[in-house]
Protein backbone atom coordinates (compact mmCIF):
# COMPACT_ATOMS: atom_id res chain seq x y z
CA MET A 1 74.82 -121.65 -9.36
CA HIS A 2 73.68 -124.17 -6.77
CA GLU A 3 75.39 -122.14 -4.05
CA LEU A 4 72.43 -119.72 -4.06
CA ALA A 5 69.99 -122.55 -3.26
CA ILE A 6 72.35 -123.91 -0.61
CA THR A 7 72.76 -120.47 0.98
CA GLU A 8 69.00 -119.95 0.98
CA SER A 9 68.57 -123.33 2.71
CA VAL A 10 71.10 -122.36 5.38
CA ILE A 11 69.30 -119.05 5.97
CA ASP A 12 65.91 -120.81 6.07
CA ALA A 13 67.19 -123.30 8.67
CA ILE A 14 68.48 -120.49 10.86
CA SER A 15 65.33 -118.41 10.38
CA GLU A 16 63.10 -121.32 11.43
CA GLN A 17 64.82 -121.38 14.83
CA LEU A 18 65.74 -117.74 15.36
CA SER A 19 63.29 -115.62 13.37
CA GLU A 20 62.60 -113.31 16.32
CA MET A 21 66.28 -112.64 17.05
CA ARG A 22 68.94 -110.63 15.26
CA VAL A 23 71.73 -112.92 14.12
CA THR A 24 75.18 -111.29 14.19
CA VAL A 25 77.45 -114.14 13.07
CA VAL A 26 76.88 -117.40 11.20
CA HIS A 27 79.61 -120.07 11.34
CA LEU A 28 79.66 -122.56 8.47
CA GLU A 29 81.92 -125.50 7.76
CA ILE A 30 82.29 -126.20 4.05
CA GLY A 31 84.51 -129.19 3.33
CA ARG A 32 86.98 -128.90 0.49
CA LEU A 33 85.47 -131.99 -1.13
CA SER A 34 81.86 -130.82 -0.76
CA GLY A 35 81.60 -129.34 -4.24
CA VAL A 36 80.41 -126.05 -2.73
CA LEU A 37 82.41 -122.89 -3.47
CA PRO A 38 82.87 -120.84 -0.27
CA ASP A 39 83.38 -117.58 -2.20
CA ALA A 40 80.06 -118.10 -4.00
CA VAL A 41 78.31 -118.75 -0.66
CA ARG A 42 79.84 -115.54 0.72
CA PHE A 43 78.54 -113.63 -2.29
CA CYS A 44 75.04 -115.13 -2.01
CA PHE A 45 74.79 -114.75 1.78
CA GLU A 46 74.35 -110.99 1.82
CA LEU A 47 71.81 -111.01 -1.01
CA ALA A 48 69.77 -113.97 0.25
CA GLY A 49 69.86 -112.68 3.82
CA GLU A 50 68.11 -109.38 3.08
CA GLY A 51 64.87 -109.09 5.00
CA THR A 52 65.67 -112.07 7.25
CA CYS A 53 67.07 -112.45 10.76
CA VAL A 54 70.57 -112.83 9.28
CA ALA A 55 70.50 -109.48 7.45
CA GLY A 56 73.80 -107.73 8.20
CA ALA A 57 75.30 -110.80 9.90
CA ARG A 58 78.92 -111.73 9.39
CA LEU A 59 79.58 -115.08 7.73
CA GLU A 60 82.59 -117.08 8.93
CA ILE A 61 83.54 -120.16 6.94
CA THR A 62 86.04 -122.87 7.82
CA GLU A 63 87.20 -125.28 5.12
CA PRO A 64 88.37 -128.62 6.51
CA GLU A 65 90.59 -130.66 4.24
CA GLY A 66 89.37 -133.84 2.66
CA ARG A 67 90.24 -137.15 4.30
CA GLY A 68 90.24 -140.61 2.85
CA THR A 69 90.69 -144.12 4.20
CA CYS A 70 92.01 -146.85 1.96
CA ARG A 71 90.09 -150.11 2.04
CA ALA A 72 93.14 -151.98 0.72
CA CYS A 73 95.83 -150.90 3.18
CA ALA A 74 93.63 -149.22 5.89
CA GLY A 75 95.75 -146.06 5.64
CA SER A 76 94.26 -142.64 6.25
CA PHE A 77 95.42 -139.69 4.16
CA ALA A 78 94.61 -136.15 3.02
CA ALA A 79 92.36 -136.34 -0.06
CA ARG A 80 92.44 -133.49 -2.53
CA ASP A 81 89.78 -134.92 -4.84
CA PRO A 82 86.53 -136.87 -4.29
CA LEU A 83 87.97 -139.56 -6.60
CA ALA A 84 91.03 -139.98 -4.42
CA VAL A 85 93.78 -142.53 -4.87
CA CYS A 86 95.65 -143.77 -1.80
CA PRO A 87 99.41 -143.26 -1.67
CA CYS A 88 99.65 -147.09 -1.87
CA GLY A 89 98.10 -146.83 -5.34
CA SER A 90 94.66 -148.22 -4.56
CA ALA A 91 91.54 -146.40 -5.76
CA ASP A 92 89.38 -148.34 -3.29
CA VAL A 93 89.02 -145.34 -1.00
CA ALA A 94 86.27 -144.14 1.31
CA ILE A 95 86.03 -140.37 1.78
CA THR A 96 85.86 -139.89 5.54
CA GLY A 97 85.98 -136.11 5.94
CA GLY A 98 85.87 -132.76 4.29
CA ASP A 99 82.88 -133.54 2.10
CA GLY A 100 80.10 -131.91 4.11
CA LEU A 101 78.49 -128.57 4.75
CA ARG A 102 77.09 -127.73 8.16
CA ILE A 103 76.13 -124.84 10.36
CA THR A 104 78.54 -125.02 13.28
CA GLY A 105 77.27 -122.02 15.19
CA VAL A 106 75.12 -118.93 15.22
CA GLU A 107 75.63 -115.85 17.37
CA VAL A 108 72.78 -113.49 18.19
CA ALA A 109 72.64 -109.95 19.55
CA ARG A 110 71.90 -109.47 23.21
CA VAL A 111 68.55 -107.85 23.91
């Protein structure tokens, strides 16, 4: 399960910046074409967060849809698969959204 390693990396990145604070909420964006399973990240977050500044924090995940742009017709469309085919029939498509994972925000407790 690569989601455990990904979740640990997210927690490490947050801990590097906020190790002395108590994190209450972590906001992640996991694109639908990223290959990362949000439910698996949710499961791993609590376990991997024990003993860190994110222990007990709430995890909020948004899942933006995939987007593609056709190189043949220049059309933009919702992509449901990383190997998307444009509605015009062309497979010459660039994925332009929904394929990333990023920390979009972190909330900390007031002291």
